[in-house]
Amino acid sequence: MERSAIESKMVDLLVEELGIERDKITMAAKFEEDLEVDSLGVVELLMALEDNFDVNIPDEEAEAITTVSEAVDIVEAKVNA
């Protein structure tokens, strides 16, 4: 799957699952600081990513995710493995 498709789906999930305004989302945006996503929101997003991309993201990898781009990196690596 191409990175652009993963990025697009990631933005859609952030809007649909967490109610974030689309124009606030950039690849460099930090979940907690920039997008005001709390720890519960991050868990919800991870579950949505696993469901939508049919991947498994272990807790130790999930804990390292701080930006939208990092989340895309992990999904891209797993989808294209």
C-alpha atoms as a PDB file:
ATOM      1  CA  MET A   1       0.000   0.000   0.000  1.00  0.00           C
ATOM      2  CA  GLU A   2       1.338   3.429  -0.907  1.00  0.00           C
ATOM      3  CA  ARG A   3       2.231   5.893   1.834  1.00  0.00           C
ATOM      4  CA  SER A   4      -0.130   8.517   0.397  1.00  0.00           C
ATOM      5  CA  ALA A   5      -3.069   6.111   0.744  1.00  0.00           C
ATOM      6  CA  ILE A   6      -2.107   5.345   4.353  1.00  0.00           C
ATOM      7  CA  GLU A   7      -1.771   9.066   5.126  1.00  0.00           C
ATOM      8  CA  SER A   8      -5.177   9.790   3.620  1.00  0.00           C
ATOM      9  CA  LYS A   9      -6.849   6.995   5.591  1.00  0.00           C
ATOM     10  CA  MET A  10      -5.059   8.132   8.763  1.00  0.00           C
ATOM     11  CA  VAL A  11      -6.496  11.633   8.384  1.00  0.00           C
ATOM     12  CA  ASP A  12      -9.962  10.174   7.759  1.00  0.00           C
ATOM     13  CA  LEU A  13      -9.695   8.058  10.919  1.00  0.00           C
ATOM     14  CA  LEU A  14      -8.584  11.015  13.019  1.00  0.00           C
ATOM     15  CA  VAL A  15     -11.588  13.005  11.795  1.00  0.00           C
ATOM     16  CA  GLU A  16     -14.120  10.155  12.095  1.00  0.00           C
ATOM     17  CA  GLU A  17     -12.913   8.425  15.273  1.00  0.00           C
ATOM     18  CA  LEU A  18     -11.636  11.363  17.316  1.00  0.00           C
ATOM     19  CA  GLY A  19     -13.524  14.331  15.883  1.00  0.00           C
ATOM     20  CA  ILE A  20     -10.388  16.294  15.023  1.00  0.00           C
ATOM     21  CA  GLU A  21     -10.778  19.102  12.504  1.00  0.00           C
ATOM     22  CA  ARG A  22      -9.265  18.032   9.179  1.00  0.00           C
ATOM     23  CA  ASP A  23      -7.372  21.310   8.697  1.00  0.00           C
ATOM     24  CA  LYS A  24      -5.526  20.834  12.023  1.00  0.00           C
ATOM     25  CA  ILE A  25      -4.022  17.504  10.951  1.00  0.00           C
ATOM     26  CA  THR A  26      -0.523  17.484   9.481  1.00  0.00           C
ATOM     27  CA  MET A  27       2.008  14.679   9.337  1.00  0.00           C
ATOM     28  CA  ALA A  28       4.182  16.570  11.844  1.00  0.00           C
ATOM     29  CA  ALA A  29       1.315  17.130  14.298  1.00  0.00           C
ATOM     30  CA  LYS A  30       1.870  15.637  17.736  1.00  0.00           C
ATOM     31  CA  PHE A  31      -1.158  13.762  19.032  1.00  0.00           C
ATOM     32  CA  GLU A  32      -1.164  15.139  22.569  1.00  0.00           C
ATOM     33  CA  GLU A  33       0.278  18.628  22.107  1.00  0.00           C
ATOM     34  CA  ASP A  34      -1.060  19.671  18.692  1.00  0.00           C
ATOM     35  CA  LEU A  35      -4.223  17.597  18.277  1.00  0.00           C
ATOM     36  CA  GLU A  36      -5.160  17.437  21.976  1.00  0.00           C
ATOM     37  CA  VAL A  37      -5.662  13.660  21.891  1.00  0.00           C
ATOM     38  CA  ASP A  38      -5.613  12.136  25.379  1.00  0.00           C
ATOM     39  CA  SER A  39      -4.334   8.640  26.178  1.00  0.00           C
ATOM     40  CA  LEU A  40      -7.802   7.146  25.696  1.00  0.00           C
ATOM     41  CA  GLY A  41      -8.012   8.781  22.263  1.00  0.00           C
ATOM     42  CA  VAL A  42      -4.656   7.300  21.324  1.00  0.00           C
ATOM     43  CA  VAL A  43      -5.894   3.835  22.331  1.00  0.00           C
ATOM     44  CA  GLU A  44      -9.072   4.349  20.256  1.00  0.00           C
ATOM     45  CA  LEU A  45      -6.971   5.422  17.279  1.00  0.00           C
ATOM     46  CA  LEU A  46      -4.672   2.400  17.601  1.00  0.00           C
ATOM     47  CA  MET A  47      -7.656   0.048  17.659  1.00  0.00           C
ATOM     48  CA  ALA A  48      -9.085   1.777  14.577  1.00  0.00           C
ATOM     49  CA  LEU A  49      -5.726   1.493  12.798  1.00  0.00           C
ATOM     50  CA  GLU A  50      -5.484  -2.203  13.590  1.00  0.00           C
ATOM     51  CA  ASP A  51      -9.031  -2.798  12.327  1.00  0.00           C
ATOM     52  CA  ASN A  52      -8.772  -0.663   9.194  1.00  0.00           C
ATOM     53  CA  PHE A  53      -5.334  -1.804   8.086  1.00  0.00           C
ATOM     54  CA  ASP A  54      -5.545  -5.379   9.431  1.00  0.00           C
ATOM     55  CA  VAL A  55      -2.319  -5.014  11.408  1.00  0.00           C
ATOM     56  CA  ASN A  56      -1.240  -5.633  14.999  1.00  0.00           C
ATOM     57  CA  ILE A  57       0.599  -2.833  16.803  1.00  0.00           C
ATOM     58  CA  PRO A  58       2.238  -4.100  20.024  1.00  0.00           C
ATOM     59  CA  ASP A  59       2.086  -1.845  23.090  1.00  0.00           C
ATOM     60  CA  GLU A  60       5.829  -1.170  23.073  1.00  0.00           C
ATOM     61  CA  GLU A  61       5.600   0.158  19.497  1.00  0.00           C
ATOM     62  CA  ALA A  62       2.409   2.086  20.235  1.00  0.00           C
ATOM     63  CA  GLU A  63       4.033   3.868  23.169  1.00  0.00           C
ATOM     64  CA  ALA A  64       6.696   5.298  20.849  1.00  0.00           C
ATOM     65  CA  ILE A  65       4.142   6.978  18.569  1.00  0.00           C
ATOM     66  CA  THR A  66       3.931  10.719  19.192  1.00  0.00           C
ATOM     67  CA  THR A  67       3.181  12.193  15.752  1.00  0.00           C
ATOM     68  CA  VAL A  68       0.840  11.420  12.877  1.00  0.00           C
ATOM     69  CA  SER A  69       3.873  10.657  10.693  1.00  0.00           C
ATOM     70  CA  GLU A  70       5.201   8.097  13.190  1.00  0.00           C
ATOM     71  CA  ALA A  71       1.833   6.350  13.202  1.00  0.00           C
ATOM     72  CA  VAL A  72       1.882   6.261   9.395  1.00  0.00           C
ATOM     73  CA  ASP A  73       5.457   4.877   9.475  1.00  0.00           C
ATOM     74  CA  ILE A  74       4.453   1.969  11.695  1.00  0.00           C
ATOM     75  CA  VAL A  75       1.314   1.143   9.704  1.00  0.00           C
ATOM     76  CA  GLU A  76       3.242   1.380   6.422  1.00  0.00           C
ATOM     77  CA  ALA A  77       5.967  -0.971   7.701  1.00  0.00           C
ATOM     78  CA  LYS A  78       3.396  -3.527   8.883  1.00  0.00           C
ATOM     79  CA  VAL A  79       1.154  -3.349   5.815  1.00  0.00           C
ATOM     80  CA  ASN A  80       4.076  -3.694   3.430  1.00  0.00           C
ATOM     81  CA  ALA A  81       5.993  -6.321   5.447  1.00  0.00           C
END
